[in-house]
Amino acid sequence: MITDNILIQQYLSGNNEAFETLLSRYKQRIYSFIYSKVKDRELTDDIFQDTFIKVIKTLKKGSYNDDGRFLSWAMRIAHNLIVDHFRRQQRMPKYESHDAEKDVFYRVSEPSQNIEDLLINTQIKEDLNTLILELPENQYEVLRMRLYQDMSFKEIAERTNVSINTSLGRMRYGLINLRKLIEDRNLTMTQ
């Protein structure tokens, strides 16, 4: 398989098919990520398109840092565009859970939380989202469905066409791999 960096170099050398390959490689994961935050197909389509317009512009300007993490970089662009959209709307979509009202980035709406705590929590969530993207596809899917879509393991098993034990195993290995990534990068996931 051709690496992302080679595809980027080929695209910058005039090979548009290289970018098509890159796009097809990641479009489902990026689209699913956006949709999990905005829960609206039209808005997801718009933000997805804006994400890749920004990706193309940044690549053509030569501003992309060749660090081998194209997907994480593209997801951060998508995340920032989602945040920008909700800032323009001057609202964050809420969902109810049994413990408190939270916004789509899982921050509890508490007036007692100061801006520093909010920024730390946001950075922790962004780091976690980036690390999840680096997991193998089957582990990524289970974690995404469990953490962001709040699906039961039975629902995950049905959706992915595997047994409940397999979906539990994928979750377990996904969490083990996340811990390894956190340790390898020396990240702190608590305040």
C-alpha atoms as a PDB file:
ATOM      1  CA  MET A   1       0.000   0.000   0.000  1.00  0.00           C
ATOM      2  CA  ILE A   2       1.275   3.446  -0.918  1.00  0.00           C
ATOM      3  CA  THR A   3       1.829   5.646   2.135  1.00  0.00           C
ATOM      4  CA  ASP A   4      -0.092   8.860   2.691  1.00  0.00           C
ATOM      5  CA  ASN A   5       3.063  10.931   2.338  1.00  0.00           C
ATOM      6  CA  ILE A   6       3.888   9.422  -1.066  1.00  0.00           C
ATOM      7  CA  LEU A   7       0.320  10.065  -2.223  1.00  0.00           C
ATOM      8  CA  ILE A   8       0.620  13.675  -1.054  1.00  0.00           C
ATOM      9  CA  GLN A   9       3.902  14.111  -2.926  1.00  0.00           C
ATOM     10  CA  GLN A  10       2.379  12.576  -6.067  1.00  0.00           C
ATOM     11  CA  TYR A  11      -0.623  14.893  -5.765  1.00  0.00           C
ATOM     12  CA  LEU A  12       1.607  17.935  -5.355  1.00  0.00           C
ATOM     13  CA  SER A  13       3.508  16.798  -8.472  1.00  0.00           C
ATOM     14  CA  GLY A  14       0.282  16.959 -10.466  1.00  0.00           C
ATOM     15  CA  ASN A  15      -1.210  13.478 -10.021  1.00  0.00           C
ATOM     16  CA  ASN A  16      -4.844  14.164  -9.063  1.00  0.00           C
ATOM     17  CA  GLU A  17      -5.578  10.433  -8.826  1.00  0.00           C
ATOM     18  CA  ALA A  18      -3.204  10.270  -5.855  1.00  0.00           C
ATOM     19  CA  PHE A  19      -5.464  12.667  -3.962  1.00  0.00           C
ATOM     20  CA  GLU A  20      -8.524  10.618  -4.957  1.00  0.00           C
ATOM     21  CA  THR A  21      -6.825   7.572  -3.422  1.00  0.00           C
ATOM     22  CA  LEU A  22      -6.099   9.513  -0.248  1.00  0.00           C
ATOM     23  CA  LEU A  23      -9.668  10.789  -0.096  1.00  0.00           C
ATOM     24  CA  SER A  24     -11.220   7.361  -0.614  1.00  0.00           C
ATOM     25  CA  ARG A  25      -8.912   5.929   2.067  1.00  0.00           C
ATOM     26  CA  TYR A  26     -10.256   8.246   4.789  1.00  0.00           C
ATOM     27  CA  LYS A  27     -13.552   9.730   3.658  1.00  0.00           C
ATOM     28  CA  GLN A  28     -15.748   7.330   5.641  1.00  0.00           C
ATOM     29  CA  ARG A  29     -13.898   7.870   8.923  1.00  0.00           C
ATOM     30  CA  ILE A  30     -13.851  11.650   8.570  1.00  0.00           C
ATOM     31  CA  TYR A  31     -17.481  11.785   7.447  1.00  0.00           C
ATOM     32  CA  SER A  32     -18.566   9.570  10.388  1.00  0.00           C
ATOM     33  CA  PHE A  33     -16.604  11.736  12.811  1.00  0.00           C
ATOM     34  CA  ILE A  34     -18.290  14.915  11.555  1.00  0.00           C
ATOM     35  CA  TYR A  35     -21.742  13.335  11.585  1.00  0.00           C
ATOM     36  CA  SER A  36     -21.229  12.047  15.140  1.00  0.00           C
ATOM     37  CA  LYS A  37     -20.804  15.655  16.245  1.00  0.00           C
ATOM     38  CA  VAL A  38     -23.426  17.532  14.204  1.00  0.00           C
ATOM     39  CA  LYS A  39     -26.121  14.843  13.644  1.00  0.00           C
ATOM     40  CA  ASP A  40     -27.285  16.486  10.411  1.00  0.00           C
ATOM     41  CA  ARG A  41     -26.537  15.043   6.951  1.00  0.00           C
ATOM     42  CA  GLU A  42     -26.578  18.346   5.045  1.00  0.00           C
ATOM     43  CA  LEU A  43     -24.362  20.066   7.582  1.00  0.00           C
ATOM     44  CA  THR A  44     -22.054  17.035   7.625  1.00  0.00           C
ATOM     45  CA  ASP A  45     -21.795  17.200   3.822  1.00  0.00           C
ATOM     46  CA  ASP A  46     -20.922  20.910   4.001  1.00  0.00           C
ATOM     47  CA  ILE A  47     -18.302  20.521   6.716  1.00  0.00           C
ATOM     48  CA  PHE A  48     -16.834  17.452   4.995  1.00  0.00           C
ATOM     49  CA  GLN A  49     -16.485  19.428   1.755  1.00  0.00           C
ATOM     50  CA  ASP A  50     -15.000  22.430   3.591  1.00  0.00           C
ATOM     51  CA  THR A  51     -12.538  20.100   5.330  1.00  0.00           C
ATOM     52  CA  PHE A  52     -11.152  18.821   2.046  1.00  0.00           C
ATOM     53  CA  ILE A  53     -11.109  22.261   0.470  1.00  0.00           C
ATOM     54  CA  LYS A  54      -8.948  23.385   3.394  1.00  0.00           C
ATOM     55  CA  VAL A  55      -6.805  20.228   3.101  1.00  0.00           C
ATOM     56  CA  ILE A  56      -6.196  20.922  -0.602  1.00  0.00           C
ATOM     57  CA  LYS A  57      -5.407  24.593  -0.027  1.00  0.00           C
ATOM     58  CA  THR A  58      -2.992  23.787   2.790  1.00  0.00           C
ATOM     59  CA  LEU A  59      -1.261  21.094   0.735  1.00  0.00           C
ATOM     60  CA  LYS A  60      -0.912  23.398  -2.263  1.00  0.00           C
ATOM     61  CA  LYS A  61       0.511  26.188  -0.078  1.00  0.00           C
ATOM     62  CA  GLY A  62       3.125  23.740   1.160  1.00  0.00           C
ATOM     63  CA  SER A  63       1.988  24.217   4.760  1.00  0.00           C
ATOM     64  CA  TYR A  64       1.381  20.538   5.521  1.00  0.00           C
ATOM     65  CA  ASN A  65       3.940  19.172   7.962  1.00  0.00           C
ATOM     66  CA  ASP A  66       5.129  15.822   6.592  1.00  0.00           C
ATOM     67  CA  ASP A  67       4.885  13.944   9.892  1.00  0.00           C
ATOM     68  CA  GLY A  68       3.059  10.878   8.577  1.00  0.00           C
ATOM     69  CA  ARG A  69      -0.220  11.557  10.333  1.00  0.00           C
ATOM     70  CA  PHE A  70      -2.444  12.785   7.532  1.00  0.00           C
ATOM     71  CA  LEU A  71      -5.648  11.375   9.028  1.00  0.00           C
ATOM     72  CA  SER A  72      -5.092  13.002  12.422  1.00  0.00           C
ATOM     73  CA  TRP A  73      -4.312  16.302  10.703  1.00  0.00           C
ATOM     74  CA  ALA A  74      -7.425  16.130   8.501  1.00  0.00           C
ATOM     75  CA  MET A  75      -9.573  15.204  11.515  1.00  0.00           C
ATOM     76  CA  ARG A  76      -8.271  18.199  13.436  1.00  0.00           C
ATOM     77  CA  ILE A  77      -9.262  20.427  10.498  1.00  0.00           C
ATOM     78  CA  ALA A  78     -12.750  18.872  10.544  1.00  0.00           C
ATOM     79  CA  HIS A  79     -12.964  19.313  14.320  1.00  0.00           C
ATOM     80  CA  ASN A  80     -11.992  22.988  14.066  1.00  0.00           C
ATOM     81  CA  LEU A  81     -14.576  23.578  11.335  1.00  0.00           C
ATOM     82  CA  ILE A  82     -17.258  21.975  13.519  1.00  0.00           C
ATOM     83  CA  VAL A  83     -16.291  24.219  16.440  1.00  0.00           C
ATOM     84  CA  ASP A  84     -16.281  27.258  14.124  1.00  0.00           C
ATOM     85  CA  HIS A  85     -19.759  26.370  12.878  1.00  0.00           C
ATOM     86  CA  PHE A  86     -21.205  26.144  16.389  1.00  0.00           C
ATOM     87  CA  ARG A  87     -19.450  29.340  17.429  1.00  0.00           C
ATOM     88  CA  ARG A  88     -21.069  31.116  14.488  1.00  0.00           C
ATOM     89  CA  GLN A  89     -24.395  29.678  15.599  1.00  0.00           C
ATOM     90  CA  GLN A  90     -23.492  30.756  19.159  1.00  0.00           C
ATOM     91  CA  ARG A  91     -24.596  27.432  20.511  1.00  0.00           C
ATOM     92  CA  MET A  92     -23.350  23.964  21.141  1.00  0.00           C
ATOM     93  CA  PRO A  93     -25.801  21.112  20.573  1.00  0.00           C
ATOM     94  CA  LYS A  94     -26.727  19.396  23.803  1.00  0.00           C
ATOM     95  CA  TYR A  95     -27.733  15.903  24.671  1.00  0.00           C
ATOM     96  CA  GLU A  96     -29.161  14.593  27.880  1.00  0.00           C
ATOM     97  CA  SER A  97     -27.574  11.841  29.880  1.00  0.00           C
ATOM     98  CA  HIS A  98     -28.477  10.437  33.248  1.00  0.00           C
ATOM     99  CA  ASP A  99     -25.830  12.481  35.026  1.00  0.00           C
ATOM    100  CA  ALA A 100     -25.851  15.936  33.430  1.00  0.00           C
ATOM    101  CA  GLU A 101     -26.393  17.935  30.281  1.00  0.00           C
ATOM    102  CA  LYS A 102     -23.328  17.794  28.035  1.00  0.00           C
ATOM    103  CA  ASP A 103     -22.365  19.307  24.715  1.00  0.00           C
ATOM    104  CA  VAL A 104     -21.179  17.265  21.718  1.00  0.00           C
ATOM    105  CA  PHE A 105     -17.599  17.390  22.931  1.00  0.00           C
ATOM    106  CA  TYR A 106     -18.672  15.755  26.216  1.00  0.00           C
ATOM    107  CA  ARG A 107     -18.096  18.777  28.403  1.00  0.00           C
ATOM    108  CA  VAL A 108     -20.510  19.034  31.289  1.00  0.00           C
ATOM    109  CA  SER A 109     -22.315  22.375  31.344  1.00  0.00           C
ATOM    110  CA  GLU A 110     -21.378  23.635  34.786  1.00  0.00           C
ATOM    111  CA  PRO A 111     -21.014  27.307  35.585  1.00  0.00           C
ATOM    112  CA  SER A 112     -18.428  26.416  38.257  1.00  0.00           C
ATOM    113  CA  GLN A 113     -15.943  25.219  35.647  1.00  0.00           C
ATOM    114  CA  ASN A 114     -13.408  27.929  34.884  1.00  0.00           C
ATOM    115  CA  ILE A 115     -11.966  28.574  31.428  1.00  0.00           C
ATOM    116  CA  GLU A 116      -8.668  26.844  32.267  1.00  0.00           C
ATOM    117  CA  ASP A 117     -10.488  23.620  33.228  1.00  0.00           C
ATOM    118  CA  LEU A 118     -12.583  23.852  30.080  1.00  0.00           C
ATOM    119  CA  LEU A 119      -9.480  24.271  27.905  1.00  0.00           C
ATOM    120  CA  ILE A 120      -7.746  21.346  29.602  1.00  0.00           C
ATOM    121  CA  ASN A 121     -10.830  19.145  29.149  1.00  0.00           C
ATOM    122  CA  THR A 122     -11.097  20.162  25.505  1.00  0.00           C
ATOM    123  CA  GLN A 123      -7.425  19.355  24.895  1.00  0.00           C
ATOM    124  CA  ILE A 124      -7.805  15.968  26.585  1.00  0.00           C
ATOM    125  CA  LYS A 125     -10.799  15.145  24.352  1.00  0.00           C
ATOM    126  CA  GLU A 126      -8.929  16.282  21.235  1.00  0.00           C
ATOM    127  CA  ASP A 127      -5.884  14.184  22.160  1.00  0.00           C
ATOM    128  CA  LEU A 128      -8.113  11.181  22.794  1.00  0.00           C
ATOM    129  CA  ASN A 129      -9.958  11.654  19.490  1.00  0.00           C
ATOM    130  CA  THR A 130      -6.627  11.846  17.656  1.00  0.00           C
ATOM    131  CA  LEU A 131      -5.315   8.703  19.341  1.00  0.00           C
ATOM    132  CA  ILE A 132      -8.503   6.755  18.593  1.00  0.00           C
ATOM    133  CA  LEU A 133      -7.969   7.466  14.889  1.00  0.00           C
ATOM    134  CA  GLU A 134      -4.646   5.634  15.035  1.00  0.00           C
ATOM    135  CA  LEU A 135      -6.233   2.363  16.150  1.00  0.00           C
ATOM    136  CA  PRO A 136      -6.858  -0.508  13.736  1.00  0.00           C
ATOM    137  CA  GLU A 137     -10.143  -0.019  11.852  1.00  0.00           C
ATOM    138  CA  ASN A 138     -12.136  -2.685  13.740  1.00  0.00           C
ATOM    139  CA  GLN A 139     -11.070  -1.305  17.148  1.00  0.00           C
ATOM    140  CA  TYR A 140     -11.717   2.269  16.012  1.00  0.00           C
ATOM    141  CA  GLU A 141     -15.250   1.362  14.883  1.00  0.00           C
ATOM    142  CA  VAL A 142     -16.168  -0.327  18.177  1.00  0.00           C
ATOM    143  CA  LEU A 143     -14.794   2.542  20.274  1.00  0.00           C
ATOM    144  CA  ARG A 144     -16.547   5.105  18.081  1.00  0.00           C
ATOM    145  CA  MET A 145     -19.900   3.319  18.349  1.00  0.00           C
ATOM    146  CA  ARG A 146     -19.539   2.768  22.092  1.00  0.00           C
ATOM    147  CA  LEU A 147     -18.123   6.150  23.133  1.00  0.00           C
ATOM    148  CA  TYR A 148     -19.692   8.547  20.634  1.00  0.00           C
ATOM    149  CA  GLN A 149     -22.923   6.805  19.679  1.00  0.00           C
ATOM    150  CA  ASP A 150     -23.534   5.214  23.093  1.00  0.00           C
ATOM    151  CA  MET A 151     -24.403   1.890  21.484  1.00  0.00           C
ATOM    152  CA  SER A 152     -24.627  -1.317  23.516  1.00  0.00           C
ATOM    153  CA  PHE A 153     -22.271  -4.165  22.728  1.00  0.00           C
ATOM    154  CA  LYS A 154     -25.246  -6.105  21.376  1.00  0.00           C
ATOM    155  CA  GLU A 155     -26.026  -3.236  18.969  1.00  0.00           C
ATOM    156  CA  ILE A 156     -22.351  -2.989  18.002  1.00  0.00           C
ATOM    157  CA  ALA A 157     -22.213  -6.749  17.347  1.00  0.00           C
ATOM    158  CA  GLU A 158     -25.314  -6.549  15.139  1.00  0.00           C
ATOM    159  CA  ARG A 159     -24.055  -3.470  13.259  1.00  0.00           C
ATOM    160  CA  THR A 160     -20.594  -4.960  12.616  1.00  0.00           C
ATOM    161  CA  ASN A 161     -21.899  -8.475  11.963  1.00  0.00           C
ATOM    162  CA  VAL A 162     -19.761 -10.131  14.665  1.00  0.00           C
ATOM    163  CA  SER A 163     -20.475 -11.821  17.990  1.00  0.00           C
ATOM    164  CA  ILE A 164     -20.833  -9.850  21.207  1.00  0.00           C
ATOM    165  CA  ASN A 165     -17.624 -11.463  22.461  1.00  0.00           C
ATOM    166  CA  THR A 166     -15.766 -10.246  19.379  1.00  0.00           C
ATOM    167  CA  SER A 167     -17.041  -6.690  19.852  1.00  0.00           C
ATOM    168  CA  LEU A 168     -16.064  -6.849  23.555  1.00  0.00           C
ATOM    169  CA  GLY A 169     -12.616  -8.119  22.575  1.00  0.00           C
ATOM    170  CA  ARG A 170     -12.156  -5.342  20.043  1.00  0.00           C
ATOM    171  CA  MET A 171     -13.126  -2.797  22.686  1.00  0.00           C
ATOM    172  CA  ARG A 172     -10.678  -4.350  25.149  1.00  0.00           C
ATOM    173  CA  TYR A 173      -7.797  -4.360  22.658  1.00  0.00           C
ATOM    174  CA  GLY A 174      -8.704  -0.851  21.540  1.00  0.00           C
ATOM    175  CA  LEU A 175      -8.449   0.393  25.131  1.00  0.00           C
ATOM    176  CA  ILE A 176      -5.168  -1.481  25.652  1.00  0.00           C
ATOM    177  CA  ASN A 177      -3.757   0.091  22.475  1.00  0.00           C
ATOM    178  CA  LEU A 178      -5.011   3.532  23.558  1.00  0.00           C
ATOM    179  CA  ARG A 179      -3.188   3.167  26.876  1.00  0.00           C
ATOM    180  CA  LYS A 180      -0.007   2.231  25.016  1.00  0.00           C
ATOM    181  CA  LEU A 181      -0.339   5.261  22.737  1.00  0.00           C
ATOM    182  CA  ILE A 182      -0.916   7.530  25.749  1.00  0.00           C
ATOM    183  CA  GLU A 183       2.175   6.118  27.476  1.00  0.00           C
ATOM    184  CA  ASP A 184       4.301   6.270  24.302  1.00  0.00           C
ATOM    185  CA  ARG A 185       3.428   9.943  23.793  1.00  0.00           C
ATOM    186  CA  ASN A 186       3.698  10.731  27.493  1.00  0.00           C
ATOM    187  CA  LEU A 187       0.221  12.326  27.510  1.00  0.00           C
ATOM    188  CA  THR A 188      -1.796  13.186  30.585  1.00  0.00           C
ATOM    189  CA  MET A 189      -5.493  12.378  30.331  1.00  0.00           C
ATOM    190  CA  THR A 190      -6.566  13.901  33.645  1.00  0.00           C
ATOM    191  CA  GLN A 191      -6.569  17.364  35.127  1.00  0.00           C
END
